[in-house]
Protein backbone atom coordinates (compact mmCIF):
# COMPACT_ATOMS: atom_id res chain seq x y z
CA UNK A 1 1.89 22.05 9.06
CA UNK A 2 0.32 18.39 8.87
CA UNK A 3 -3.42 17.62 9.17
CA UNK A 4 -3.23 15.75 12.59
CA UNK A 5 -4.97 12.18 12.07
CA UNK A 6 -7.44 11.33 14.66
CA UNK A 7 -7.86 7.51 15.82
CA UNK A 8 -11.61 7.75 15.02
CA UNK A 9 -11.29 9.24 11.28
CA UNK A 10 -8.58 6.11 11.14
CA UNK A 11 -11.11 3.82 11.93
CA UNK A 12 -13.59 5.28 9.97
CA UNK A 13 -11.51 5.13 7.12
CA UNK A 14 -10.11 1.50 7.40
CA UNK A 15 -13.48 0.42 7.93
CA UNK A 16 -14.11 0.56 4.32
CA UNK A 17 -11.38 -1.66 3.58
CA UNK A 18 -12.96 -5.28 5.23
CA UNK A 19 -15.12 2.06 -19.71
CA UNK A 20 -12.04 4.18 -20.44
CA UNK A 21 -13.02 7.52 -21.63
CA UNK A 22 -10.08 7.73 -24.15
CA UNK A 23 -10.75 10.61 -26.21
CA UNK A 24 -8.75 12.19 -29.01
CA UNK A 25 -6.86 10.17 -31.58
CA UNK A 26 -3.68 7.79 -31.67
CA UNK A 27 -0.31 9.15 -31.35
CA UNK A 28 1.09 9.05 -34.94
CA UNK A 29 2.80 10.72 -37.35
CA UNK A 30 1.14 10.82 -40.58
CA UNK A 31 3.40 12.57 -43.51
CA UNK A 32 3.49 12.33 -47.54
CA UNK A 33 5.54 13.93 -50.30
CA UNK A 34 3.12 16.84 -50.51
CA UNK A 35 3.59 18.28 -46.78
CA UNK A 36 5.44 18.27 -43.48
CA UNK A 37 4.26 15.42 -40.68
CA UNK A 38 1.68 15.98 -38.95
CA UNK A 39 1.64 14.76 -35.14
CA UNK A 40 -1.56 13.94 -33.05
CA UNK A 41 -1.61 12.82 -29.44
CA UNK A 42 -3.49 10.92 -27.86
CA UNK A 43 -5.39 11.84 -24.37
CA UNK A 44 -6.67 9.26 -21.66
CA UNK A 45 -8.91 9.04 -19.10
CA UNK A 46 -8.97 6.32 -16.59
CA UNK A 47 -10.41 4.92 -13.48
CA UNK A 48 -8.64 3.46 -10.63
CA UNK A 49 -9.99 1.37 -7.94
CA UNK A 50 -8.57 0.71 -4.68
CA UNK A 51 -8.43 -1.91 -1.96
CA UNK A 52 -8.12 1.20 0.71
CA UNK A 53 -10.42 3.85 1.87
CA UNK A 54 -9.36 7.27 0.52
CA UNK A 55 -6.46 9.42 1.18
CA UNK A 56 -5.41 5.67 3.46
CA UNK A 57 -1.81 6.63 5.07
CA UNK A 58 0.76 5.51 2.89
CA UNK A 59 -1.52 3.05 0.72
CA UNK A 60 -4.33 5.56 -0.24
CA UNK A 61 -1.19 8.10 -0.74
CA UNK A 62 0.47 6.08 -2.66
CA UNK A 63 -2.37 5.78 -5.90
CA UNK A 64 -2.87 9.44 -5.45
CA UNK A 65 0.80 9.88 -6.34
CA UNK A 66 1.01 7.55 -8.75
CA UNK A 67 -1.73 9.44 -10.76
CA UNK A 68 -0.03 12.54 -10.11
CA UNK A 69 3.17 11.39 -11.58
CA UNK A 70 1.64 9.88 -14.47
CA UNK A 71 -0.42 12.90 -15.19
CA UNK A 72 3.23 15.04 -14.87
CA UNK A 73 5.44 12.47 -17.22
CA UNK A 74 2.79 12.75 -19.64
CA UNK A 75 1.91 16.48 -19.61
CA UNK A 76 -1.64 16.15 -18.87
CA UNK A 77 -2.71 14.22 -21.73
CA UNK A 78 -2.99 10.55 -18.94
CA UNK A 79 -5.54 11.30 -16.24
CA UNK A 80 -6.18 8.44 -13.88
CA UNK A 81 -8.47 9.29 -11.42
CA UNK A 82 -8.28 7.50 -7.84
CA UNK A 83 -11.72 5.80 -6.24
CA UNK A 84 -11.07 4.77 -2.59
CA UNK A 85 -12.50 1.19 -1.32
CA UNK A 86 -16.23 1.24 -1.66
CA UNK A 87 -16.68 4.84 -3.70
CA UNK A 88 -16.86 3.14 -6.47
CA UNK A 89 -17.03 -0.53 -6.11
CA UNK A 90 -16.45 -2.76 -3.04
CA UNK A 91 -13.12 -2.59 -1.53
CA UNK A 92 -13.05 -6.34 -2.66
CA UNK A 93 -14.25 -6.35 -5.78
CA UNK A 94 -11.43 -4.16 -7.21
CA UNK A 95 -9.69 -7.36 -8.96
CA UNK A 96 -13.39 -7.77 -10.43
CA UNK A 97 -14.08 -4.41 -11.90
CA UNK A 98 -10.56 -4.16 -13.56
CA UNK A 99 -11.10 -8.28 -14.92
CA UNK A 100 -14.29 -7.18 -16.31
CA UNK A 101 -13.63 -3.99 -17.92
CA UNK A 102 -15.59 -1.85 -15.60
CA UNK A 103 -12.96 0.25 -14.92
CA UNK A 104 -9.08 0.33 -16.61
CA UNK A 105 -7.07 0.02 -12.82
CA UNK A 106 -7.07 -0.94 -9.60
CA UNK A 107 -4.49 -1.22 -6.43
CA UNK A 108 -4.62 -3.91 -3.72
CA UNK A 109 -2.84 -6.98 -2.42
CA UNK A 110 -2.93 -10.15 -4.15
CA UNK A 111 -3.57 -12.51 -0.97
CA UNK A 112 -7.21 -10.71 -1.24
CA UNK A 113 -7.54 -12.88 -4.44
CA UNK A 114 -6.70 -16.10 -2.92
CA UNK A 115 -10.18 -17.48 -3.64
CA UNK A 116 -9.81 -17.58 -7.31
CA UNK A 117 -6.10 -18.58 -7.55
CA UNK A 118 -4.74 -20.23 -4.78
CA UNK A 119 -1.37 -19.18 -6.11
CA UNK A 120 -2.05 -15.43 -5.69
CA UNK A 121 -1.30 -14.60 -1.73
CA UNK A 122 2.55 -15.67 -2.64
CA UNK A 123 2.88 -13.01 -4.84
CA UNK A 124 2.14 -10.79 -1.71
CA UNK A 125 3.62 -12.36 0.75
CA UNK A 126 4.55 -16.08 2.60
CA UNK A 127 5.00 -16.37 6.03
CA UNK A 128 8.51 -16.40 7.10
CA UNK A 129 9.49 -15.29 3.53
CA UNK A 130 10.86 -13.01 1.44
CA UNK A 131 11.89 -9.42 2.76
CA UNK A 132 10.67 -6.54 0.31
CA UNK A 133 14.31 -6.09 -1.03
CA UNK A 134 14.26 -10.10 -1.67
CA UNK A 135 10.87 -9.95 -3.29
CA UNK A 136 11.38 -6.85 -5.50
CA UNK A 137 14.92 -8.61 -7.11
CA UNK A 138 12.65 -11.80 -7.91
CA UNK A 139 10.50 -9.47 -9.24
CA UNK A 140 12.28 -7.41 -11.24
CA UNK A 141 15.01 -9.85 -11.84
CA UNK A 142 14.79 -13.34 -10.85
CA UNK A 143 11.40 -14.59 -13.10
CA UNK A 144 8.85 -13.73 -10.23
CA UNK A 145 6.87 -11.27 -12.01
CA UNK A 146 6.62 -13.06 -15.71
CA UNK A 147 4.99 -16.06 -13.18
CA UNK A 148 2.61 -13.24 -11.83
CA UNK A 149 1.71 -12.11 -15.26
CA UNK A 150 1.12 -15.72 -16.27
CA UNK A 151 -0.94 -16.12 -13.08
CA UNK A 152 -3.39 -13.05 -13.78
CA UNK A 153 -3.54 -13.37 -17.83
CA UNK A 154 -6.83 -15.47 -18.01
CA UNK A 155 -8.09 -13.13 -16.33
CA UNK A 156 -7.66 -10.35 -18.51
CA UNK A 157 -5.39 -8.77 -16.12
CA UNK A 158 -1.84 -7.62 -15.72
CA UNK A 159 -0.16 -6.84 -12.52
CA UNK A 160 2.68 -4.94 -11.62
CA UNK A 161 4.54 -4.08 -8.18
CA UNK A 162 2.98 -0.99 -6.50
CA UNK A 163 4.30 -0.92 -3.10
CA UNK A 164 5.76 -2.60 0.04
CA UNK A 165 4.62 -2.58 3.60
CA UNK A 166 8.08 -4.22 4.72
CA UNK A 167 8.69 -6.17 7.50
CA UNK A 168 5.05 -5.88 9.89
CA UNK A 169 4.81 -6.61 13.37
CA UNK A 170 3.47 -10.25 15.04
CA UNK A 171 0.45 -8.22 16.95
CA UNK A 172 -1.20 -6.69 19.36
CA UNK A 173 -1.81 -9.52 22.55
CA UNK A 174 -4.13 -9.03 25.91
CA UNK A 175 -2.19 -12.34 27.47
CA UNK A 176 1.89 -12.87 27.33
CA UNK A 177 2.61 -15.26 24.34
CA UNK A 178 5.05 -18.05 26.39
CA UNK A 179 4.43 -21.51 24.57
CA UNK A 180 2.78 -22.29 21.78
CA UNK A 181 -0.01 -23.37 23.65
CA UNK A 182 -0.82 -20.35 24.30
CA UNK A 183 -2.73 -20.09 20.71
CA UNK A 184 -5.02 -22.73 21.89
CA UNK A 185 -8.28 -21.13 21.78
CA UNK A 186 -7.06 -17.88 21.14
CA UNK A 187 -9.29 -15.31 19.18
CA UNK A 188 -7.15 -13.48 16.50
CA UNK A 189 -7.58 -11.43 13.69
CA UNK A 190 -5.78 -12.25 10.92
CA UNK A 191 -5.92 -12.96 7.83
CA UNK A 192 -4.18 -14.49 4.39
CA UNK A 193 -2.12 -17.80 4.63
CA UNK A 194 -1.25 -16.62 8.50
CA UNK A 195 -4.35 -17.34 9.51
CA UNK A 196 -4.32 -20.93 8.33
CA UNK A 197 -1.26 -21.01 10.27
CA UNK A 198 -2.24 -20.13 13.79
CA UNK A 199 -5.12 -22.52 12.72
CA UNK A 200 -2.92 -25.19 13.01
CA UNK A 201 -1.83 -24.50 16.68
CA UNK A 202 -5.33 -24.03 17.80
CA UNK A 203 -6.11 -20.41 17.19
CA UNK A 204 -9.41 -19.23 15.94
CA UNK A 205 -8.64 -16.53 13.36
CA UNK A 206 -11.03 -14.56 12.46
CA UNK A 207 -11.80 -11.75 9.75
CA UNK A 208 -12.95 -8.53 10.49
CA UNK A 209 -13.65 -4.90 9.09
CA UNK A 210 -10.88 -2.46 10.14
CA UNK A 211 -13.08 -0.36 11.52
CA UNK A 212 -14.36 -3.29 14.39
CA UNK A 213 -10.85 -4.66 15.27
CA UNK A 214 -9.98 -1.47 17.91
CA UNK A 215 -13.82 -2.15 19.51
CA UNK A 216 -13.83 -5.84 19.71
CA UNK A 217 -10.31 -6.11 21.22
CA UNK A 218 -11.10 -3.89 23.72
CA UNK A 219 -14.39 -5.88 24.46
CA UNK A 220 -12.79 -8.81 24.52
CA UNK A 221 -14.30 -10.63 21.39
CA UNK A 222 -11.12 -11.14 19.96
CA UNK A 223 -7.91 -11.63 22.45
CA UNK A 224 -5.09 -10.34 19.81
CA UNK A 225 -4.49 -8.60 16.55
CA UNK A 226 -1.73 -8.25 13.91
CA UNK A 227 -2.30 -4.52 11.43
CA UNK A 228 0.23 -3.43 9.97
CA UNK A 229 3.13 -1.63 11.58
CA UNK A 230 3.94 0.61 14.40
CA UNK A 231 2.34 4.04 11.86
CA UNK A 232 -0.67 2.39 11.22
CA UNK A 233 -0.92 0.88 14.76
CA UNK A 234 -0.57 3.68 16.77
CA UNK A 235 -3.26 5.39 14.76
CA UNK A 236 -6.04 2.85 15.38
CA UNK A 237 -5.04 3.19 18.78
CA UNK A 238 -3.92 0.00 19.62
CA UNK A 239 -1.15 0.72 22.36
CA UNK A 240 -4.42 1.95 24.46
CA UNK A 241 -6.26 -1.13 25.01
CA UNK A 242 -3.32 -3.94 24.43
CA UNK A 243 -0.83 -4.32 27.03
CA UNK A 244 1.74 -7.23 24.35
CA UNK A 245 2.95 -6.26 21.15
CA UNK A 246 5.34 -8.92 19.86
CA UNK A 247 7.14 -9.14 17.01
CA UNK A 248 8.99 -10.14 14.52
CA UNK A 249 5.96 -10.32 12.08
CA UNK A 250 6.49 -13.93 10.86
CA UNK A 251 3.33 -13.78 9.12
CA UNK A 252 4.19 -10.90 6.42
CA UNK A 253 8.25 -10.30 6.39
CA UNK A 254 6.61 -8.32 3.65
CA UNK A 255 3.71 -6.93 2.00
CA UNK A 256 4.43 -6.98 -2.30
CA UNK A 257 1.14 -4.71 -3.17
CA UNK A 258 -0.21 -4.15 -6.23
CA UNK A 259 -1.40 -1.90 -9.78
CA UNK A 260 -3.85 -4.23 -11.67
CA UNK A 261 -4.53 -3.13 -15.10
CA UNK A 262 -7.55 -4.20 -17.51
CA UNK A 263 -5.31 -6.12 -20.20
CA UNK A 264 -7.31 -4.38 -22.97
CA UNK A 265 -6.72 -1.46 -21.63
CA UNK A 266 -3.17 -1.43 -21.64
CA UNK A 267 -3.02 -2.63 -25.22
CA UNK A 268 -4.74 0.33 -26.42
CA UNK A 269 -2.23 2.54 -24.57
CA UNK A 270 0.99 4.12 -26.78
CA UNK A 271 3.79 3.41 -25.69
CA UNK A 272 4.37 6.26 -24.20
CA UNK A 273 2.22 5.94 -21.97
CA UNK A 274 3.06 2.51 -21.31
CA UNK A 275 6.01 3.62 -20.31
CA UNK A 276 5.21 6.20 -18.10
CA UNK A 277 2.69 4.05 -16.16
CA UNK A 278 5.65 1.03 -15.68
CA UNK A 279 7.71 4.14 -14.38
CA UNK A 280 5.27 5.59 -12.03
CA UNK A 281 4.23 2.16 -10.94
CA UNK A 282 8.03 1.38 -9.76
CA UNK A 283 8.33 4.87 -8.17
CA UNK A 284 5.74 3.93 -6.36
CA UNK A 285 6.65 0.63 -5.20
CA UNK A 286 9.88 2.78 -3.42
CA UNK A 287 8.16 5.35 -2.08
CA UNK A 288 5.50 3.32 -0.08
CA UNK A 289 8.60 0.89 1.42
CA UNK A 290 10.69 4.12 1.91
CA UNK A 291 7.65 5.67 3.65
CA UNK A 292 6.70 2.43 5.53
CA UNK A 293 10.00 2.50 7.07
CA UNK A 294 10.28 5.98 8.04
CA UNK A 295 7.33 6.12 9.53
CA UNK A 296 7.61 3.25 11.52
CA UNK A 297 10.76 3.89 13.04
CA UNK A 298 9.06 7.33 14.10
CA UNK A 299 6.08 5.60 15.72
CA UNK A 300 7.59 2.87 17.84
CA UNK A 301 9.51 5.67 19.57
CA UNK A 302 5.86 7.16 20.14
CA UNK A 303 4.10 3.70 21.47
CA UNK A 304 7.30 3.25 23.68
CA UNK A 305 7.40 6.82 25.11
CA UNK A 306 3.27 7.19 25.40
CA UNK A 307 2.42 3.93 27.21
CA UNK A 308 3.45 0.83 28.72
CA UNK A 309 3.38 -1.75 26.33
CA UNK A 310 5.14 -4.58 26.54
CA UNK A 311 7.19 -4.92 22.83
CA UNK A 312 9.00 -8.33 23.05
CA UNK A 313 10.08 -10.82 20.83
CA UNK A 314 8.36 -14.13 20.21
CA UNK A 315 10.36 -16.69 22.03
CA UNK A 316 11.92 -19.65 19.92
CA UNK A 317 9.66 -22.52 21.04
CA UNK A 318 7.06 -20.30 19.41
CA UNK A 319 8.53 -19.66 16.17
CA UNK A 320 9.68 -22.86 15.85
CA UNK A 321 6.17 -24.13 15.98
CA UNK A 322 4.59 -21.73 13.39
CA UNK A 323 7.56 -22.54 11.12
CA UNK A 324 6.43 -26.10 11.33
CA UNK A 325 3.10 -24.68 10.94
CA UNK A 326 3.73 -23.32 7.87
CA UNK A 327 5.45 -26.16 6.15
CA UNK A 328 2.07 -27.87 6.82
CA UNK A 329 -0.10 -25.30 5.14
CA UNK A 330 2.32 -24.27 2.20
CA UNK A 331 2.59 -28.81 1.66
CA UNK A 332 -1.20 -28.55 1.69
CA UNK A 333 -1.38 -25.85 -0.71
CA UNK A 334 0.92 -27.23 -3.00
CA UNK A 335 -0.40 -30.89 -2.92
CA UNK A 336 -4.11 -29.34 -4.39
CA UNK A 337 -3.06 -26.69 -6.63
CA UNK A 338 -0.57 -27.25 -9.47
CA UNK A 339 -0.05 -23.60 -10.06
CA UNK A 340 0.69 -22.97 -6.39
CA UNK A 341 3.27 -25.82 -6.67
CA UNK A 342 4.86 -24.23 -9.76
CA UNK A 343 5.44 -20.73 -8.08
CA UNK A 344 6.23 -21.87 -4.98
CA UNK A 345 9.12 -23.79 -6.41
CA UNK A 346 10.21 -20.90 -8.70
CA UNK A 347 9.57 -18.58 -5.08
CA UNK A 348 11.68 -21.49 -2.63
CA UNK A 349 14.50 -21.79 -5.51
CA UNK A 350 15.21 -18.06 -5.86
CA UNK A 351 14.84 -17.52 -1.90
CA UNK A 352 17.43 -20.08 -0.93
CA UNK A 353 19.78 -18.65 -3.60
CA UNK A 354 19.39 -14.93 -2.70
CA UNK A 355 19.37 -15.98 1.48
CA UNK A 356 23.01 -17.22 0.32
CA UNK A 357 24.21 -14.07 -1.01
CA UNK A 358 22.59 -12.02 1.48
CA UNK A 359 24.62 -14.07 4.36
CA UNK A 360 27.58 -12.68 3.11
CA UNK A 361 26.06 -9.14 3.45
CA UNK A 362 27.72 -8.48 7.07
CA UNK A 363 29.54 -5.30 8.24
């Protein structure tokens, strides 16, 4: 029987978001003319910190599963201890902890590090950007991963794809959105590049911890919020206090999550463990996206059945205004940062090509 998750417990967990122990000798074979080869097996214990609360649905659970898979594939010789945000280090200091070697590994989303690297958010999500399938293609087979590694290398960090939310919803609103001017004066909880876009339309983008969103929306401190998708949004209880639920999630058509590894720790791993970690991370990437897709389908139906929420698409005038504002935001970003320009040019070139190919995928 699955443990029931109630809204208060979910919000409490969500509120947290806002040195290697290497034992044994290196995996090696020793031989000489006097006797048979002697094989010694290395044992490794790592710490992994995350930007998510411990056991957080899908996101935290995926980290736990990664650790389990690594343990199983290594026959117990490679252990990863997972810590939720705030347990060992503050959630949004995950990158710093990995970079300075306080821990060997972390999990989060690249747009959290935009203050350090303006190009970083593009390795998570760009408004009106690539889908999860297209993002995986760019990462694994289209040159995106090499650019990602290049960006993080000066910080002593190695990234790997470690999950994806897929397309998100556009958000919860307490008023109907009929025209771009409806954003003027709107107080909306939204982070990342999307926040800069709605600000272009006159909205006040608010960043608040997950634990405060429900209360702020209920009391009118904010007028609207985005979160993730139907599964997490249902658990947060937004369908009980907001009247309108808009789509699509133009601000995050997909959101690539990441496993980040301290390069010195990575270089000390035997080749066997490197291969295991890469395989487990790729499995986590597919598992997370698949679980989000299945759960969002299930919980969108629950929202429809259990509430009187109006679920509607943004109209074309709003979408067009958001597109224009997105172009302005991205132009300002690449004009101010040479690395962002390099990454964005590679991203848009790949996207143009794969979008042409995807247009033939009509049944």
